[in-house]
N, C-alpha and C. Protein backbone atom coordinates (compact mmCIF):
# COMPACT_ATOMS: atom_id res chain seq x y z
N MET A 1 118.88 173.67 102.28
CA MET A 1 118.16 173.31 101.07
C MET A 1 117.78 171.83 101.09
N SER A 2 118.70 170.98 101.53
CA SER A 2 118.38 169.55 101.54
C SER A 2 117.29 169.24 102.56
N ASP A 3 117.20 170.04 103.63
CA ASP A 3 116.11 169.85 104.59
C ASP A 3 114.76 170.09 103.93
N LYS A 4 114.69 171.13 103.11
CA LYS A 4 113.44 171.43 102.39
C LYS A 4 113.10 170.31 101.42
N LEU A 5 114.12 169.78 100.75
CA LEU A 5 113.90 168.69 99.80
C LEU A 5 113.42 167.44 100.53
N GLU A 6 114.04 167.13 101.65
CA GLU A 6 113.62 165.97 102.44
C GLU A 6 112.20 166.15 102.95
N GLU A 7 111.86 167.37 103.36
CA GLU A 7 110.51 167.66 103.83
C GLU A 7 109.50 167.46 102.69
N LEU A 8 109.86 167.92 101.50
CA LEU A 8 108.99 167.75 100.33
C LEU A 8 108.83 166.28 99.98
N GLU A 9 109.92 165.53 100.00
CA GLU A 9 109.85 164.10 99.71
C GLU A 9 108.96 163.38 100.72
N ALA A 10 109.07 163.74 101.98
CA ALA A 10 108.24 163.12 103.02
C ALA A 10 106.77 163.45 102.80
N GLU A 11 106.49 164.69 102.44
CA GLU A 11 105.11 165.10 102.20
C GLU A 11 104.54 164.38 100.98
N LEU A 12 105.32 164.24 99.93
CA LEU A 12 104.86 163.51 98.74
C LEU A 12 104.63 162.04 99.06
N ALA A 13 105.48 161.45 99.88
CA ALA A 13 105.29 160.06 100.28
C ALA A 13 104.01 159.91 101.10
N ARG A 14 103.75 160.88 101.96
CA ARG A 14 102.52 160.85 102.76
C ARG A 14 101.30 160.95 101.84
N ILE A 15 101.35 161.85 100.88
CA ILE A 15 100.22 162.02 99.96
C ILE A 15 100.01 160.74 99.15
N ALA A 16 101.09 160.08 98.76
CA ALA A 16 100.98 158.86 97.97
C ALA A 16 100.24 157.76 98.74
N GLN A 17 100.29 157.81 100.06
CA GLN A 17 99.63 156.80 100.88
C GLN A 17 98.14 157.08 101.09
N LEU A 18 97.70 158.27 100.73
CA LEU A 18 96.29 158.63 100.91
C LEU A 18 95.42 157.93 99.88
N ASP A 19 94.13 157.87 100.18
CA ASP A 19 93.17 157.38 99.19
C ASP A 19 93.19 158.32 97.99
N LEU A 20 92.90 157.77 96.83
CA LEU A 20 92.90 158.59 95.61
C LEU A 20 91.96 159.78 95.72
N ALA A 21 90.87 159.62 96.42
CA ALA A 21 89.90 160.71 96.57
C ALA A 21 90.47 161.86 97.41
N GLU A 22 91.40 161.55 98.30
CA GLU A 22 91.98 162.57 99.18
C GLU A 22 93.19 163.26 98.57
N GLN A 23 93.80 162.66 97.57
CA GLN A 23 95.04 163.19 97.01
C GLN A 23 94.91 164.57 96.37
N PRO A 24 93.86 164.86 95.59
CA PRO A 24 93.80 166.20 94.98
C PRO A 24 93.81 167.33 96.02
N ALA A 25 93.08 167.17 97.10
CA ALA A 25 93.06 168.20 98.14
C ALA A 25 94.41 168.31 98.82
N ALA A 26 95.07 167.19 99.03
CA ALA A 26 96.39 167.20 99.66
C ALA A 26 97.42 167.88 98.75
N PHE A 27 97.34 167.60 97.45
CA PHE A 27 98.25 168.27 96.51
C PHE A 27 97.97 169.76 96.45
N ALA A 28 96.71 170.14 96.49
CA ALA A 28 96.35 171.57 96.47
C ALA A 28 96.90 172.27 97.70
N SER A 29 96.79 171.62 98.84
CA SER A 29 97.33 172.19 100.08
C SER A 29 98.85 172.33 100.00
N LEU A 30 99.51 171.31 99.48
CA LEU A 30 100.96 171.36 99.33
C LEU A 30 101.36 172.47 98.37
N ARG A 31 100.62 172.61 97.29
CA ARG A 31 100.93 173.66 96.32
C ARG A 31 100.81 175.04 96.96
N GLU A 32 99.76 175.26 97.75
CA GLU A 32 99.59 176.54 98.43
C GLU A 32 100.76 176.81 99.37
N LYS A 33 101.17 175.80 100.09
CA LYS A 33 102.30 175.94 101.02
C LYS A 33 103.58 176.30 100.27
N LEU A 34 103.84 175.60 99.17
CA LEU A 34 105.05 175.86 98.39
C LEU A 34 105.01 177.24 97.74
N GLU A 35 103.85 177.65 97.26
CA GLU A 35 103.73 178.98 96.66
C GLU A 35 103.97 180.06 97.71
N ALA A 36 103.46 179.86 98.93
CA ALA A 36 103.68 180.82 100.00
C ALA A 36 105.16 180.92 100.34
N GLN A 37 105.84 179.78 100.38
CA GLN A 37 107.28 179.78 100.66
C GLN A 37 108.05 180.49 99.55
N LEU A 38 107.65 180.24 98.31
CA LEU A 38 108.31 180.87 97.18
C LEU A 38 108.10 182.38 97.20
N ASN A 39 106.88 182.80 97.48
CA ASN A 39 106.59 184.23 97.55
C ASN A 39 107.36 184.89 98.68
N SER A 40 107.47 184.21 99.80
CA SER A 40 108.23 184.74 100.93
C SER A 40 109.69 184.90 100.57
N ALA A 41 110.26 183.90 99.93
CA ALA A 41 111.66 183.96 99.53
C ALA A 41 111.87 185.07 98.50
N SER A 42 110.91 185.22 97.60
CA SER A 42 111.00 186.26 96.58
C SER A 42 110.94 187.65 97.22
N ASP A 43 110.05 187.81 98.19
CA ASP A 43 109.94 189.09 98.90
C ASP A 43 111.23 189.42 99.65
N GLU A 44 111.81 188.41 100.30
CA GLU A 44 113.06 188.62 101.03
C GLU A 44 114.18 189.02 100.08
N ALA A 45 114.24 188.40 98.92
CA ALA A 45 115.28 188.73 97.94
C ALA A 45 115.09 190.15 97.41
N ALA A 46 113.86 190.56 97.24
CA ALA A 46 113.57 191.90 96.73
C ALA A 46 113.95 192.97 97.74
N GLU A 47 113.86 192.64 99.03
CA GLU A 47 114.19 193.61 100.08
C GLU A 47 115.69 193.83 100.20
N GLN A 48 116.48 192.91 99.73
CA GLN A 48 117.94 193.01 99.89
C GLN A 48 118.57 193.85 98.83
């Protein structure tokens, strides 16, 4: 779990360094990635 948190913190730090014009697309990409991970975890839990 802490690895995922550290990965998220690193990604947020990377996004913070981007130009303001690039940040919305980067946040959208991160959101899609997190939603996919959440859906995957939810599917795995439902299978058990």
